[in-house]
Amino acid sequence: MHYSYKHLAWIRATCPDDTLRDGQVAVAHATRALELIEWQQADWLETLAAAYAEAGDFDAAIRWQQKCIEKTSVGNAAEMQQRLELYRNGQPHRDTPQSHPAAVAVR
């Protein structure tokens, strides 16, 4: 169940189709996913950061993205840093088929 919340949050926060994005719903789903895993997956904080950015709360997005970078040993550090820079510039992250493995697999 926790993966479902995480993936829904990512879609609602980063989907290129603006009819599918909803920052407040993304924040709720990301928070619920993290609660279900007792905040034990540091890399999942990136989903919460993206959700806050979509909701327009860039201070929270920056804070969570920084925590993700500090606590995560997995993932692509360069991509994480790029997202942090987006949030610092008041811009949310947008996925593309090339930037998300699940989207590429669907093609």
Protein backbone atom coordinates (compact mmCIF):
# COMPACT_ATOMS: atom_id res chain seq x y z
CA MET A 1 0.00 0.00 0.00
CA HIS A 2 2.80 2.44 0.83
CA TYR A 3 4.24 2.16 -2.70
CA SER A 4 0.85 3.10 -4.12
CA TYR A 5 0.76 6.29 -2.09
CA LYS A 6 4.33 7.14 -3.09
CA HIS A 7 3.73 6.59 -6.79
CA LEU A 8 0.43 8.47 -6.76
CA ALA A 9 2.16 11.36 -5.01
CA TRP A 10 4.91 11.44 -7.63
CA ILE A 11 2.39 11.45 -10.48
CA ARG A 12 0.22 14.14 -8.87
CA ALA A 13 3.33 16.27 -8.27
CA THR A 14 5.39 15.84 -11.43
CA CYS A 15 3.21 14.68 -14.31
CA PRO A 16 3.68 16.80 -17.45
CA ASP A 17 -0.11 16.73 -17.93
CA ASP A 18 -1.39 19.57 -15.74
CA THR A 19 -4.84 17.97 -15.49
CA LEU A 20 -3.28 15.19 -13.42
CA ARG A 21 -1.25 17.38 -11.07
CA ASP A 22 -2.55 18.46 -7.67
CA GLY A 23 0.02 19.61 -5.14
CA GLN A 24 -2.15 19.30 -2.05
CA VAL A 25 -3.18 15.75 -2.93
CA ALA A 26 0.46 14.93 -3.72
CA VAL A 27 1.57 16.21 -0.30
CA ALA A 28 -1.11 14.13 1.42
CA HIS A 29 -0.16 10.96 -0.49
CA ALA A 30 3.59 11.47 0.02
CA THR A 31 3.11 12.11 3.73
CA ARG A 32 0.92 9.01 4.09
CA ALA A 33 3.49 6.86 2.26
CA LEU A 34 6.22 8.05 4.59
CA GLU A 35 4.03 7.50 7.66
CA LEU A 36 3.34 3.92 6.56
CA ILE A 37 7.07 3.19 6.38
CA GLU A 38 7.74 5.18 9.55
CA TRP A 39 9.89 7.68 7.64
CA GLN A 40 12.58 5.00 7.15
CA GLN A 41 13.25 5.51 3.41
CA ALA A 42 15.24 8.71 3.08
CA ASP A 43 15.05 8.67 -0.72
CA TRP A 44 11.24 8.90 -0.48
CA LEU A 45 11.67 12.40 0.93
CA GLU A 46 12.29 13.48 -2.65
CA THR A 47 8.66 12.68 -3.47
CA LEU A 48 7.53 14.85 -0.58
CA ALA A 49 9.79 17.65 -1.80
CA ALA A 50 8.33 17.43 -5.32
CA ALA A 51 4.82 17.48 -3.87
CA TYR A 52 5.51 20.62 -1.84
CA ALA A 53 7.02 22.28 -4.90
CA GLU A 54 3.90 21.52 -6.92
CA ALA A 55 1.81 22.92 -4.07
CA GLY A 56 3.85 26.13 -4.26
CA ASP A 57 5.55 25.71 -0.88
CA PHE A 58 9.12 26.00 -2.11
CA ASP A 59 10.58 26.52 1.37
CA ALA A 60 9.27 23.08 2.38
CA ALA A 61 10.36 21.60 -0.96
CA ILE A 62 13.89 22.88 -0.42
CA ARG A 63 13.98 21.64 3.17
CA TRP A 64 12.83 18.10 2.25
CA GLN A 65 15.04 17.90 -0.84
CA GLN A 66 18.07 18.88 1.25
CA LYS A 67 17.19 16.21 3.83
CA CYS A 68 16.87 13.67 1.04
CA ILE A 69 20.30 14.58 -0.34
CA GLU A 70 21.88 14.50 3.14
CA LYS A 71 20.39 11.14 4.15
CA THR A 72 20.32 9.19 0.90
CA SER A 73 23.07 6.95 -0.36
CA VAL A 74 21.01 5.66 -3.31
CA GLY A 75 19.85 7.45 -6.39
CA ASN A 76 21.39 9.97 -8.69
CA ALA A 77 22.98 12.78 -6.68
CA ALA A 78 23.22 15.04 -9.74
CA GLU A 79 19.48 14.73 -10.42
CA MET A 80 18.69 15.36 -6.77
CA GLN A 81 20.83 18.49 -6.84
CA GLN A 82 19.16 19.68 -10.06
CA ARG A 83 15.75 19.35 -8.45
CA LEU A 84 16.97 21.30 -5.45
CA GLU A 85 18.07 24.10 -7.77
CA LEU A 86 14.66 24.10 -9.45
CA TYR A 87 12.97 24.55 -6.07
CA ARG A 88 15.39 27.31 -5.11
CA ASN A 89 14.34 29.06 -8.33
CA GLY A 90 10.65 28.67 -7.53
CA GLN A 91 10.05 25.98 -10.13
CA PRO A 92 8.47 22.54 -9.64
CA HIS A 93 9.94 19.42 -11.20
CA ARG A 94 8.24 17.96 -14.29
CA ASP A 95 8.76 14.37 -15.33
CA THR A 96 9.37 13.35 -18.89
CA PRO A 97 9.32 9.81 -20.25
CA GLN A 98 13.11 9.95 -20.35
CA SER A 99 13.43 11.06 -16.71
CA HIS A 100 11.31 8.38 -15.06
CA PRO A 101 12.13 4.66 -15.40
CA ALA A 102 8.50 3.54 -15.02
CA ALA A 103 7.40 5.82 -17.85
CA VAL A 104 10.13 4.51 -20.13
CA ALA A 105 9.15 0.91 -19.36
CA VAL A 106 5.56 1.58 -20.44
CA ARG A 107 6.54 2.67 -23.96
